[in-house]
Amino acid sequence: MAKVKTRKVAAKRFKVTGTGKLVHRVQGARHLRRKKGKRQQRRQDRQVELKKAMVKHVKAYLRKS
């Protein structure tokens, strides 16, 4: 059987925490920050947990063997 490879696209965008949760960066945080409020900018600086519906798909991309 062929070796299962990690999808590098997913590996760069998602991170598995110590407790097994998947986190990612918030969209829209890279540029055009001048017109966004400070509160929104602070919220976008942190990583957030991935939605439940997407966890199964992303974990499949991240698996290695």
C-alpha atoms as a PDB file:
ATOM      1  CA  MET A   1       0.000   0.000   0.000  1.00  0.00           C
ATOM      2  CA  ALA A   2       1.232   3.462  -0.837  1.00  0.00           C
ATOM      3  CA  LYS A   3       2.509   5.788   1.828  1.00  0.00           C
ATOM      4  CA  VAL A   4       0.047   8.489   2.956  1.00  0.00           C
ATOM      5  CA  LYS A   5       1.533  11.944   2.581  1.00  0.00           C
ATOM      6  CA  THR A   6       0.666  15.124   4.437  1.00  0.00           C
ATOM      7  CA  ARG A   7      -0.971  17.807   2.308  1.00  0.00           C
ATOM      8  CA  LYS A   8       1.501  20.645   2.639  1.00  0.00           C
ATOM      9  CA  VAL A   9      -1.168  23.262   1.908  1.00  0.00           C
ATOM     10  CA  ALA A  10      -3.076  22.191   5.027  1.00  0.00           C
ATOM     11  CA  ALA A  11       0.063  21.807   7.135  1.00  0.00           C
ATOM     12  CA  LYS A  12       0.961  25.458   6.552  1.00  0.00           C
ATOM     13  CA  ARG A  13      -2.509  26.755   7.468  1.00  0.00           C
ATOM     14  CA  PHE A  14      -3.581  24.598  10.415  1.00  0.00           C
ATOM     15  CA  LYS A  15      -1.901  23.600  13.663  1.00  0.00           C
ATOM     16  CA  VAL A  16      -2.827  20.839  16.101  1.00  0.00           C
ATOM     17  CA  THR A  17      -2.695  21.964  19.731  1.00  0.00           C
ATOM     18  CA  GLY A  18      -1.492  19.815  22.607  1.00  0.00           C
ATOM     19  CA  THR A  19      -5.059  18.802  23.414  1.00  0.00           C
ATOM     20  CA  GLY A  20      -5.778  17.817  19.803  1.00  0.00           C
ATOM     21  CA  LYS A  21      -7.767  20.865  18.691  1.00  0.00           C
ATOM     22  CA  LEU A  22      -7.161  22.423  15.281  1.00  0.00           C
ATOM     23  CA  VAL A  23      -6.464  26.149  15.134  1.00  0.00           C
ATOM     24  CA  HIS A  24      -5.974  28.566  12.248  1.00  0.00           C
ATOM     25  CA  ARG A  25      -5.395  32.259  11.616  1.00  0.00           C
ATOM     26  CA  VAL A  26      -8.360  34.555  11.049  1.00  0.00           C
ATOM     27  CA  GLN A  27      -8.998  35.761   7.516  1.00  0.00           C
ATOM     28  CA  GLY A  28      -8.545  39.383   6.504  1.00  0.00           C
ATOM     29  CA  ALA A  29      -5.728  40.146   8.931  1.00  0.00           C
ATOM     30  CA  ARG A  30      -2.850  40.625   6.497  1.00  0.00           C
ATOM     31  CA  HIS A  31      -3.395  43.965   4.800  1.00  0.00           C
ATOM     32  CA  LEU A  32      -5.704  47.015   4.657  1.00  0.00           C
ATOM     33  CA  ARG A  33      -5.563  47.200   8.450  1.00  0.00           C
ATOM     34  CA  ARG A  34      -5.733  50.989   8.526  1.00  0.00           C
ATOM     35  CA  LYS A  35      -9.459  51.051   7.827  1.00  0.00           C
ATOM     36  CA  LYS A  36     -10.268  48.345  10.399  1.00  0.00           C
ATOM     37  CA  GLY A  37     -10.993  49.131  14.015  1.00  0.00           C
ATOM     38  CA  LYS A  38      -8.471  48.383  16.755  1.00  0.00           C
ATOM     39  CA  ARG A  39     -10.851  45.871  18.323  1.00  0.00           C
ATOM     40  CA  GLN A  40     -11.179  43.954  15.064  1.00  0.00           C
ATOM     41  CA  GLN A  41      -7.415  44.013  14.550  1.00  0.00           C
ATOM     42  CA  ARG A  42      -6.805  42.585  18.015  1.00  0.00           C
ATOM     43  CA  ARG A  43      -9.304  39.805  17.352  1.00  0.00           C
ATOM     44  CA  GLN A  44      -7.640  38.960  14.066  1.00  0.00           C
ATOM     45  CA  ASP A  45      -4.177  38.696  15.611  1.00  0.00           C
ATOM     46  CA  ARG A  46      -4.988  35.509  17.511  1.00  0.00           C
ATOM     47  CA  GLN A  47      -5.614  32.004  16.263  1.00  0.00           C
ATOM     48  CA  VAL A  48      -9.100  30.511  16.532  1.00  0.00           C
ATOM     49  CA  GLU A  49     -10.391  26.977  16.765  1.00  0.00           C
ATOM     50  CA  LEU A  50     -11.570  25.356  13.559  1.00  0.00           C
ATOM     51  CA  LYS A  51     -15.322  24.824  13.065  1.00  0.00           C
ATOM     52  CA  LYS A  52     -16.585  21.361  13.999  1.00  0.00           C
ATOM     53  CA  ALA A  53     -17.824  20.608  10.481  1.00  0.00           C
ATOM     54  CA  MET A  54     -14.343  21.032   8.988  1.00  0.00           C
ATOM     55  CA  VAL A  55     -12.276  19.130  11.575  1.00  0.00           C
ATOM     56  CA  LYS A  56     -12.775  15.718   9.955  1.00  0.00           C
ATOM     57  CA  HIS A  57     -11.683  16.972   6.521  1.00  0.00           C
ATOM     58  CA  VAL A  58      -8.606  18.834   7.737  1.00  0.00           C
ATOM     59  CA  LYS A  59      -7.444  15.961   9.962  1.00  0.00           C
ATOM     60  CA  ALA A  60      -7.559  13.713   6.912  1.00  0.00           C
ATOM     61  CA  TYR A  61      -5.229  16.127   5.122  1.00  0.00           C
ATOM     62  CA  LEU A  62      -2.826  16.293   8.035  1.00  0.00           C
ATOM     63  CA  ARG A  63      -2.442  12.578   8.725  1.00  0.00           C
ATOM     64  CA  LYS A  64       0.895  10.886   8.218  1.00  0.00           C
ATOM     65  CA  SER A  65       1.916   7.273   8.155  1.00  0.00           C
END
